[in-house]
PDB file of all heavy atoms in Angstrom:
ATOM      1  N   ARG A   1       0.800  -1.227  -0.014  1.00  0.00           N
ATOM      2  CA  ARG A   1       0.023  -0.083   0.060  1.00  0.00           C
ATOM      3  C   ARG A   1       0.789   1.249  -0.021  1.00  0.00           C
ATOM      4  O   ARG A   1       0.506   2.125  -0.787  1.00  0.00           O
ATOM      5  CB  ARG A   1      -0.918   0.036   1.189  1.00  0.00           C
ATOM      6  CG  ARG A   1      -1.915   1.121   1.253  1.00  0.00           C
ATOM      7  CD  ARG A   1      -3.050   0.926   2.256  1.00  0.00           C
ATOM      8  NE  ARG A   1      -3.964  -0.181   1.787  1.00  0.00           N
ATOM      9  CZ  ARG A   1      -4.015  -1.379   2.380  1.00  0.00           C
ATOM     10  NH1 ARG A   1      -3.243  -1.728   3.492  1.00  0.00           N
ATOM     11  NH2 ARG A   1      -4.849  -2.251   1.891  1.00  0.00           N
ATOM     12  N   GLN A   2       1.868   1.270   0.820  1.00  0.00           N
ATOM     13  CA  GLN A   2       2.796   2.467   0.841  1.00  0.00           C
ATOM     14  C   GLN A   2       3.343   2.686  -0.530  1.00  0.00           C
ATOM     15  O   GLN A   2       3.585   3.810  -0.853  1.00  0.00           O
ATOM     16  CB  GLN A   2       3.838   2.262   2.079  1.00  0.00           C
ATOM     17  CG  GLN A   2       3.239   2.373   3.390  1.00  0.00           C
ATOM     18  CD  GLN A   2       4.266   2.069   4.460  1.00  0.00           C
ATOM     19  OE1 GLN A   2       5.429   1.770   4.221  1.00  0.00           O
ATOM     20  NE2 GLN A   2       3.687   1.856   5.726  1.00  0.00           N
ATOM     21  N   ASP A   3       3.865   1.589  -1.116  1.00  0.00           N
ATOM     22  CA  ASP A   3       4.581   1.611  -2.278  1.00  0.00           C
ATOM     23  C   ASP A   3       3.672   2.134  -3.487  1.00  0.00           C
ATOM     24  O   ASP A   3       4.077   3.054  -4.238  1.00  0.00           O
ATOM     25  CB  ASP A   3       5.202   0.269  -2.680  1.00  0.00           C
ATOM     26  CG  ASP A   3       6.413  -0.115  -1.893  1.00  0.00           C
ATOM     27  OD1 ASP A   3       6.860   0.757  -1.133  1.00  0.00           O
ATOM     28  OD2 ASP A   3       6.733  -1.228  -1.938  1.00  0.00           O
ATOM     29  N   ILE A   4       2.468   1.622  -3.556  1.00  0.00           N
ATOM     30  CA  ILE A   4       1.590   2.069  -4.683  1.00  0.00           C
ATOM     31  C   ILE A   4       1.072   3.358  -4.423  1.00  0.00           C
ATOM     32  O   ILE A   4       0.795   4.181  -5.416  1.00  0.00           O
ATOM     33  CB  ILE A   4       0.463   1.030  -4.888  1.00  0.00           C
ATOM     34  CG1 ILE A   4      -0.210   1.194  -6.301  1.00  0.00           C
ATOM     35  CG2 ILE A   4      -0.599   1.032  -3.724  1.00  0.00           C
ATOM     36  CD1 ILE A   4       0.707   1.025  -7.516  1.00  0.00           C
ATOM     37  N   ILE A   5       0.842   3.856  -3.164  1.00  0.00           N
ATOM     38  CA  ILE A   5       0.342   5.223  -2.971  1.00  0.00           C
ATOM     39  C   ILE A   5       1.420   6.148  -3.314  1.00  0.00           C
ATOM     40  O   ILE A   5       1.170   7.152  -4.030  1.00  0.00           O
ATOM     41  CB  ILE A   5       0.013   5.328  -1.349  1.00  0.00           C
ATOM     42  CG1 ILE A   5      -1.359   4.700  -1.128  1.00  0.00           C
ATOM     43  CG2 ILE A   5       0.034   6.882  -1.000  1.00  0.00           C
ATOM     44  CD1 ILE A   5      -1.693   4.770   0.335  1.00  0.00           C
ATOM     45  N   LYS A   6       2.717   5.805  -2.965  1.00  0.00           N
ATOM     46  CA  LYS A   6       3.820   6.735  -3.393  1.00  0.00           C
ATOM     47  C   LYS A   6       3.928   6.867  -4.885  1.00  0.00           C
ATOM     48  O   LYS A   6       4.236   7.956  -5.467  1.00  0.00           O
ATOM     49  CB  LYS A   6       5.170   6.159  -2.742  1.00  0.00           C
ATOM     50  CG  LYS A   6       6.377   7.123  -3.141  1.00  0.00           C
ATOM     51  CD  LYS A   6       7.578   6.520  -2.446  1.00  0.00           C
ATOM     52  CE  LYS A   6       8.845   7.324  -2.699  1.00  0.00           C
ATOM     53  NZ  LYS A   6      10.061   6.744  -2.138  1.00  0.00           N
ATOM     54  N   ALA A   7       3.840   5.664  -5.541  1.00  0.00           N
ATOM     55  CA  ALA A   7       3.870   5.687  -7.063  1.00  0.00           C
ATOM     56  C   ALA A   7       2.786   6.434  -7.659  1.00  0.00           C
ATOM     57  O   ALA A   7       2.893   7.119  -8.723  1.00  0.00           O
ATOM     58  CB  ALA A   7       3.943   4.273  -7.601  1.00  0.00           C
ATOM     59  N   ALA A   8       1.624   6.299  -7.126  1.00  0.00           N
ATOM     60  CA  ALA A   8       0.398   6.986  -7.562  1.00  0.00           C
ATOM     61  C   ALA A   8       0.494   8.552  -7.586  1.00  0.00           C
ATOM     62  O   ALA A   8       0.205   9.234  -8.424  1.00  0.00           O
ATOM     63  CB  ALA A   8      -0.834   6.459  -6.967  1.00  0.00           C
ATOM     64  N   ILE A   9       0.944   9.066  -6.433  1.00  0.00           N
ATOM     65  CA  ILE A   9       1.213  10.422  -6.122  1.00  0.00           C
ATOM     66  C   ILE A   9       2.239  10.975  -7.148  1.00  0.00           C
ATOM     67  O   ILE A   9       2.028  11.963  -7.777  1.00  0.00           O
ATOM     68  CB  ILE A   9       1.614  10.681  -4.677  1.00  0.00           C
ATOM     69  CG1 ILE A   9       0.483  10.340  -3.745  1.00  0.00           C
ATOM     70  CG2 ILE A   9       2.024  12.026  -4.457  1.00  0.00           C
ATOM     71  CD1 ILE A   9       0.854  10.411  -2.290  1.00  0.00           C
ATOM     72  N   GLY A  10       3.387  10.220  -7.312  1.00  0.00           N
ATOM     73  CA  GLY A  10       4.323  10.626  -8.284  1.00  0.00           C
ATOM     74  C   GLY A  10       3.812  10.700  -9.685  1.00  0.00           C
ATOM     75  O   GLY A  10       4.060  11.637 -10.327  1.00  0.00           O
ATOM     76  N   ALA A  11       3.023   9.667 -10.155  1.00  0.00           N
ATOM     77  CA  ALA A  11       2.451   9.699 -11.474  1.00  0.00           C
ATOM     78  C   ALA A  11       1.547  10.862 -11.644  1.00  0.00           C
ATOM     79  O   ALA A  11       1.546  11.523 -12.756  1.00  0.00           O
ATOM     80  CB  ALA A  11       1.780   8.335 -11.703  1.00  0.00           C
ATOM     81  N   THR A  12       0.636  11.096 -10.627  1.00  0.00           N
ATOM     82  CA  THR A  12      -0.333  12.325 -10.821  1.00  0.00           C
ATOM     83  C   THR A  12       0.468  13.606 -10.847  1.00  0.00           C
ATOM     84  O   THR A  12       0.037  14.490 -11.648  1.00  0.00           O
ATOM     85  CB  THR A  12      -1.155  12.299  -9.558  1.00  0.00           C
ATOM     86  OG1 THR A  12      -1.851  11.087  -9.416  1.00  0.00           O
ATOM     87  CG2 THR A  12      -2.217  13.328  -9.611  1.00  0.00           C
ATOM     88  N   LYS A  13       1.526  13.760 -10.208  1.00  0.00           N
ATOM     89  CA  LYS A  13       2.380  14.945 -10.194  1.00  0.00           C
ATOM     90  C   LYS A  13       2.908  15.132 -11.651  1.00  0.00           C
ATOM     91  O   LYS A  13       2.868  16.186 -12.335  1.00  0.00           O
ATOM     92  CB  LYS A  13       3.309  15.029  -9.227  1.00  0.00           C
ATOM     93  CG  LYS A  13       2.848  15.240  -7.801  1.00  0.00           C
ATOM     94  CD  LYS A  13       3.948  15.399  -6.757  1.00  0.00           C
ATOM     95  CE  LYS A  13       3.446  15.613  -5.391  1.00  0.00           C
ATOM     96  NZ  LYS A  13       4.477  15.803  -4.359  1.00  0.00           N
ATOM     97  N   GLN A  14       3.509  14.013 -12.185  1.00  0.00           N
ATOM     98  CA  GLN A  14       4.073  14.030 -13.523  1.00  0.00           C
ATOM     99  C   GLN A  14       3.031  14.314 -14.729  1.00  0.00           C
ATOM    100  O   GLN A  14       3.318  15.033 -15.575  1.00  0.00           O
ATOM    101  CB  GLN A  14       4.750  12.769 -13.760  1.00  0.00           C
ATOM    102  CG  GLN A  14       6.031  12.490 -12.974  1.00  0.00           C
ATOM    103  CD  GLN A  14       6.933  11.418 -13.482  1.00  0.00           C
ATOM    104  OE1 GLN A  14       7.152  11.287 -14.700  1.00  0.00           O
ATOM    105  NE2 GLN A  14       7.269  10.440 -12.614  1.00  0.00           N
ATOM    106  N   LEU A  15       1.844  13.902 -14.497  1.00  0.00           N
ATOM    107  CA  LEU A  15       0.790  14.132 -15.394  1.00  0.00           C
ATOM    108  C   LEU A  15       0.083  15.572 -15.258  1.00  0.00           C
ATOM    109  O   LEU A  15      -0.588  15.956 -16.164  1.00  0.00           O
ATOM    110  CB  LEU A  15      -0.304  13.074 -15.213  1.00  0.00           C
ATOM    111  CG  LEU A  15      -0.058  11.638 -15.587  1.00  0.00           C
ATOM    112  CD1 LEU A  15      -1.171  10.740 -15.061  1.00  0.00           C
ATOM    113  CD2 LEU A  15       0.148  11.434 -17.022  1.00  0.00           C
ATOM    114  N   GLY A  16       0.554  16.212 -14.242  1.00  0.00           N
ATOM    115  CA  GLY A  16      -0.026  17.673 -14.006  1.00  0.00           C
ATOM    116  C   GLY A  16      -1.463  17.666 -13.793  1.00  0.00           C
ATOM    117  O   GLY A  16      -2.067  18.727 -14.046  1.00  0.00           O
ATOM    118  N   TYR A  17      -1.976  16.587 -13.094  1.00  0.00           N
ATOM    119  CA  TYR A  17      -3.444  16.594 -12.892  1.00  0.00           C
ATOM    120  C   TYR A  17      -3.790  17.488 -11.689  1.00  0.00           C
ATOM    121  O   TYR A  17      -3.177  17.581 -10.766  1.00  0.00           O
ATOM    122  CB  TYR A  17      -3.803  15.152 -12.672  1.00  0.00           C
ATOM    123  CG  TYR A  17      -5.359  15.037 -12.540  1.00  0.00           C
ATOM    124  CD1 TYR A  17      -6.127  14.939 -13.713  1.00  0.00           C
ATOM    125  CD2 TYR A  17      -5.903  14.893 -11.389  1.00  0.00           C
ATOM    126  CE1 TYR A  17      -7.488  14.787 -13.663  1.00  0.00           C
ATOM    127  CE2 TYR A  17      -7.323  14.651 -11.191  1.00  0.00           C
ATOM    128  CZ  TYR A  17      -8.097  14.646 -12.342  1.00  0.00           C
ATOM    129  OH  TYR A  17      -9.454  14.507 -12.330  1.00  0.00           O
ATOM    130  N   VAL A  18      -5.060  18.102 -11.927  1.00  0.00           N
ATOM    131  CA  VAL A  18      -5.696  18.909 -10.864  1.00  0.00           C
ATOM    132  C   VAL A  18      -7.050  18.465 -10.681  1.00  0.00           C
ATOM    133  O   VAL A  18      -7.806  18.423 -11.668  1.00  0.00           O
ATOM    134  CB  VAL A  18      -5.498  20.409 -11.207  1.00  0.00           C
ATOM    135  CG1 VAL A  18      -6.313  21.233 -10.108  1.00  0.00           C
ATOM    136  CG2 VAL A  18      -4.126  20.804 -11.240  1.00  0.00           C
ATOM    137  N   GLY A  19      -7.533  18.223  -9.367  1.00  0.00           N
ATOM    138  CA  GLY A  19      -8.793  17.867  -9.176  1.00  0.00           C
ATOM    139  C   GLY A  19      -8.928  16.483  -8.439  1.00  0.00           C
ATOM    140  O   GLY A  19      -7.910  16.026  -7.873  1.00  0.00           O
ATOM    141  N   ALA A  20     -10.055  16.005  -8.277  1.00  0.00           N
ATOM    142  CA  ALA A  20     -10.283  14.573  -7.796  1.00  0.00           C
ATOM    143  C   ALA A  20     -10.179  13.637  -8.976  1.00  0.00           C
ATOM    144  O   ALA A  20     -10.761  13.728 -10.054  1.00  0.00           O
ATOM    145  CB  ALA A  20     -11.735  14.398  -7.128  1.00  0.00           C
ATOM    146  N   GLY A  21      -9.368  12.557  -8.738  1.00  0.00           N
ATOM    147  CA  GLY A  21      -9.216  11.554  -9.800  1.00  0.00           C
ATOM    148  C   GLY A  21      -9.050  10.249  -9.194  1.00  0.00           C
ATOM    149  O   GLY A  21      -8.720  10.075  -7.992  1.00  0.00           O
ATOM    150  N   THR A  22      -9.061   9.239 -10.028  1.00  0.00           N
ATOM    151  CA  THR A  22      -8.908   7.847  -9.555  1.00  0.00           C
ATOM    152  C   THR A  22      -7.997   7.028 -10.537  1.00  0.00           C
ATOM    153  O   THR A  22      -8.295   6.973 -11.690  1.00  0.00           O
ATOM    154  CB  THR A  22     -10.247   7.132  -9.398  1.00  0.00           C
ATOM    155  OG1 THR A  22     -11.177   7.858  -8.547  1.00  0.00           O
ATOM    156  CG2 THR A  22     -10.057   5.645  -8.755  1.00  0.00           C
ATOM    157  N   LEU A  23      -6.892   6.437  -9.967  1.00  0.00           N
ATOM    158  CA  LEU A  23      -6.144   5.634 -10.737  1.00  0.00           C
ATOM    159  C   LEU A  23      -6.601   4.211 -10.518  1.00  0.00           C
ATOM    160  O   LEU A  23      -6.661   3.697  -9.459  1.00  0.00           O
ATOM    161  CB  LEU A  23      -4.621   5.749 -10.365  1.00  0.00           C
ATOM    162  CG  LEU A  23      -3.928   6.978 -10.932  1.00  0.00           C
ATOM    163  CD1 LEU A  23      -4.356   8.275 -10.270  1.00  0.00           C
ATOM    164  CD2 LEU A  23      -2.308   6.903 -10.787  1.00  0.00           C
ATOM    165  N   GLU A  24      -6.805   3.443 -11.674  1.00  0.00           N
ATOM    166  CA  GLU A  24      -7.416   2.080 -11.529  1.00  0.00           C
ATOM    167  C   GLU A  24      -6.260   1.061 -12.018  1.00  0.00           C
ATOM    168  O   GLU A  24      -5.543   1.225 -12.983  1.00  0.00           O
ATOM    169  CB  GLU A  24      -8.604   1.969 -12.449  1.00  0.00           C
ATOM    170  CG  GLU A  24      -9.712   2.990 -11.959  1.00  0.00           C
ATOM    171  CD  GLU A  24     -11.085   2.546 -12.300  1.00  0.00           C
ATOM    172  OE1 GLU A  24     -11.207   1.442 -12.860  1.00  0.00           O
ATOM    173  OE2 GLU A  24     -11.951   3.278 -12.078  1.00  0.00           O
ATOM    174  N   PHE A  25      -6.250  -0.059 -11.262  1.00  0.00           N
ATOM    175  CA  PHE A  25      -5.280  -1.019 -11.455  1.00  0.00           C
ATOM    176  C   PHE A  25      -5.864  -2.433 -11.370  1.00  0.00           C
ATOM    177  O   PHE A  25      -6.835  -2.673 -10.743  1.00  0.00           O
ATOM    178  CB  PHE A  25      -4.101  -1.099 -10.342  1.00  0.00           C
ATOM    179  CG  PHE A  25      -3.348   0.223 -10.310  1.00  0.00           C
ATOM    180  CD1 PHE A  25      -3.767   1.292  -9.575  1.00  0.00           C
ATOM    181  CD2 PHE A  25      -2.037   0.291 -10.872  1.00  0.00           C
ATOM    182  CE1 PHE A  25      -3.165   2.410  -9.438  1.00  0.00           C
ATOM    183  CE2 PHE A  25      -1.355   1.537 -10.878  1.00  0.00           C
ATOM    184  CZ  PHE A  25      -1.812   2.618 -10.043  1.00  0.00           C
ATOM    185  N   LEU A  26      -5.165  -3.357 -12.095  1.00  0.00           N
ATOM    186  CA  LEU A  26      -5.397  -4.812 -11.838  1.00  0.00           C
ATOM    187  C   LEU A  26      -4.283  -5.313 -10.984  1.00  0.00           C
ATOM    188  O   LEU A  26      -3.077  -5.104 -11.232  1.00  0.00           O
ATOM    189  CB  LEU A  26      -5.470  -5.609 -13.135  1.00  0.00           C
ATOM    190  CG  LEU A  26      -6.692  -5.431 -13.955  1.00  0.00           C
ATOM    191  CD1 LEU A  26      -6.538  -6.196 -15.277  1.00  0.00           C
ATOM    192  CD2 LEU A  26      -7.958  -5.722 -13.311  1.00  0.00           C
ATOM    193  N   LEU A  27      -4.658  -6.025  -9.830  1.00  0.00           N
ATOM    194  CA  LEU A  27      -3.674  -6.689  -8.966  1.00  0.00           C
ATOM    195  C   LEU A  27      -3.646  -8.176  -9.189  1.00  0.00           C
ATOM    196  O   LEU A  27      -4.709  -8.783  -9.060  1.00  0.00           O
ATOM    197  CB  LEU A  27      -4.095  -6.313  -7.522  1.00  0.00           C
ATOM    198  CG  LEU A  27      -3.237  -6.957  -6.382  1.00  0.00           C
ATOM    199  CD1 LEU A  27      -1.742  -6.408  -6.391  1.00  0.00           C
ATOM    200  CD2 LEU A  27      -3.806  -6.602  -5.014  1.00  0.00           C
ATOM    201  N   ASP A  28      -2.537  -8.654  -9.672  1.00  0.00           N
ATOM    202  CA  ASP A  28      -2.438 -10.107  -9.998  1.00  0.00           C
ATOM    203  C   ASP A  28      -1.996 -10.886  -8.714  1.00  0.00           C
ATOM    204  O   ASP A  28      -1.763 -10.283  -7.590  1.00  0.00           O
ATOM    205  CB  ASP A  28      -1.489 -10.371 -11.072  1.00  0.00           C
ATOM    206  CG  ASP A  28       0.062 -10.054 -10.769  1.00  0.00           C
ATOM    207  OD1 ASP A  28       0.372 -10.103  -9.588  1.00  0.00           O
ATOM    208  OD2 ASP A  28       0.738  -9.977 -11.745  1.00  0.00           O
ATOM    209  N   ARG A  29      -2.137 -12.146  -8.860  1.00  0.00           N
ATOM    210  CA  ARG A  29      -1.819 -13.062  -7.605  1.00  0.00           C
ATOM    211  C   ARG A  29      -0.401 -12.986  -7.085  1.00  0.00           C
ATOM    212  O   ARG A  29      -0.111 -13.398  -5.945  1.00  0.00           O
ATOM    213  CB  ARG A  29      -2.167 -14.424  -7.886  1.00  0.00           C
ATOM    214  CG  ARG A  29      -3.677 -14.643  -8.033  1.00  0.00           C
ATOM    215  CD  ARG A  29      -4.075 -16.152  -8.091  1.00  0.00           C
ATOM    216  NE  ARG A  29      -5.461 -16.333  -8.105  1.00  0.00           N
ATOM    217  CZ  ARG A  29      -6.121 -17.423  -8.265  1.00  0.00           C
ATOM    218  NH1 ARG A  29      -5.355 -18.638  -8.465  1.00  0.00           N
ATOM    219  NH2 ARG A  29      -7.386 -17.639  -8.171  1.00  0.00           N
ATOM    220  N   GLU A  30       0.430 -12.479  -7.972  1.00  0.00           N
ATOM    221  CA  GLU A  30       1.845 -12.210  -7.387  1.00  0.00           C
ATOM    222  C   GLU A  30       2.114 -10.890  -6.748  1.00  0.00           C
ATOM    223  O   GLU A  30       3.133 -10.582  -6.284  1.00  0.00           O
ATOM    224  CB  GLU A  30       2.846 -12.441  -8.626  1.00  0.00           C
ATOM    225  CG  GLU A  30       3.099 -13.819  -9.085  1.00  0.00           C
ATOM    226  CD  GLU A  30       1.877 -14.294  -9.802  1.00  0.00           C
ATOM    227  OE1 GLU A  30       1.318 -13.636 -10.712  1.00  0.00           O
ATOM    228  OE2 GLU A  30       1.368 -15.443  -9.485  1.00  0.00           O
ATOM    229  N   GLY A  31       1.049 -10.098  -6.548  1.00  0.00           N
ATOM    230  CA  GLY A  31       1.131  -8.818  -5.875  1.00  0.00           C
ATOM    231  C   GLY A  31       1.665  -7.663  -6.729  1.00  0.00           C
ATOM    232  O   GLY A  31       1.881  -6.647  -6.228  1.00  0.00           O
ATOM    233  N   HIS A  32       1.444  -7.888  -8.138  1.00  0.00           N
ATOM    234  CA  HIS A  32       2.000  -6.797  -9.030  1.00  0.00           C
ATOM    235  C   HIS A  32       0.716  -5.934  -9.380  1.00  0.00           C
ATOM    236  O   HIS A  32      -0.333  -6.344  -9.785  1.00  0.00           O
ATOM    237  CB  HIS A  32       2.590  -7.373 -10.225  1.00  0.00           C
ATOM    238  CG  HIS A  32       3.778  -8.226  -9.989  1.00  0.00           C
ATOM    239  ND1 HIS A  32       3.996  -9.418 -10.575  1.00  0.00           N
ATOM    240  CD2 HIS A  32       4.857  -7.996  -9.235  1.00  0.00           C
ATOM    241  CE1 HIS A  32       5.136 -10.023 -10.157  1.00  0.00           C
ATOM    242  NE2 HIS A  32       5.684  -9.021  -9.329  1.00  0.00           N
ATOM    243  N   PHE A  33       0.935  -4.643  -9.424  1.00  0.00           N
ATOM    244  CA  PHE A  33      -0.126  -3.693  -9.825  1.00  0.00           C
ATOM    245  C   PHE A  33       0.106  -3.388 -11.277  1.00  0.00           C
ATOM    246  O   PHE A  33       1.207  -2.857 -11.680  1.00  0.00           O
ATOM    247  CB  PHE A  33       0.024  -2.452  -8.904  1.00  0.00           C
ATOM    248  CG  PHE A  33      -0.559  -2.521  -7.517  1.00  0.00           C
ATOM    249  CD1 PHE A  33       0.190  -2.998  -6.593  1.00  0.00           C
ATOM    250  CD2 PHE A  33      -2.003  -2.339  -7.342  1.00  0.00           C
ATOM    251  CE1 PHE A  33      -0.323  -3.047  -5.285  1.00  0.00           C
ATOM    252  CE2 PHE A  33      -2.401  -2.362  -6.003  1.00  0.00           C
ATOM    253  CZ  PHE A  33      -1.576  -2.833  -5.022  1.00  0.00           C
ATOM    254  N   TRP A  34      -0.966  -3.575 -12.095  1.00  0.00           N
ATOM    255  CA  TRP A  34      -0.957  -3.164 -13.556  1.00  0.00           C
ATOM    256  C   TRP A  34      -1.840  -1.959 -13.719  1.00  0.00           C
ATOM    257  O   TRP A  34      -3.099  -2.175 -13.503  1.00  0.00           O
ATOM    258  CB  TRP A  34      -1.369  -4.338 -14.376  1.00  0.00           C
ATOM    259  CG  TRP A  34      -0.500  -5.627 -14.143  1.00  0.00           C
ATOM    260  CD1 TRP A  34      -0.580  -6.466 -13.288  1.00  0.00           C
ATOM    261  CD2 TRP A  34       0.537  -5.943 -15.078  1.00  0.00           C
ATOM    262  NE1 TRP A  34       0.455  -7.450 -13.428  1.00  0.00           N
ATOM    263  CE2 TRP A  34       1.173  -7.159 -14.563  1.00  0.00           C
ATOM    264  CE3 TRP A  34       1.059  -5.360 -16.189  1.00  0.00           C
ATOM    265  CZ2 TRP A  34       2.185  -7.737 -15.130  1.00  0.00           C
ATOM    266  CZ3 TRP A  34       2.243  -5.999 -16.754  1.00  0.00           C
ATOM    267  CH2 TRP A  34       2.722  -7.121 -16.308  1.00  0.00           C
ATOM    268  N   PHE A  35      -1.281  -0.865 -14.328  1.00  0.00           N
ATOM    269  CA  PHE A  35      -2.159   0.309 -14.430  1.00  0.00           C
ATOM    270  C   PHE A  35      -3.154   0.039 -15.599  1.00  0.00           C
ATOM    271  O   PHE A  35      -2.765  -0.412 -16.683  1.00  0.00           O
ATOM    272  CB  PHE A  35      -1.329   1.478 -14.688  1.00  0.00           C
ATOM    273  CG  PHE A  35      -2.096   2.737 -14.965  1.00  0.00           C
ATOM    274  CD1 PHE A  35      -2.682   3.521 -14.002  1.00  0.00           C
ATOM    275  CD2 PHE A  35      -2.310   3.086 -16.402  1.00  0.00           C
ATOM    276  CE1 PHE A  35      -3.407   4.616 -14.258  1.00  0.00           C
ATOM    277  CE2 PHE A  35      -3.068   4.236 -16.666  1.00  0.00           C
ATOM    278  CZ  PHE A  35      -3.654   5.047 -15.680  1.00  0.00           C
TER     279      PHE A  35
END
């Protein structure tokens, strides 16, 4: 959770997004997050 939250915040900043938004992922059985 800490890792994906940090990654999501970093991605949102790089995209220059402003407002409320949701990043959606598939989480596989090995614990990998796929955007």
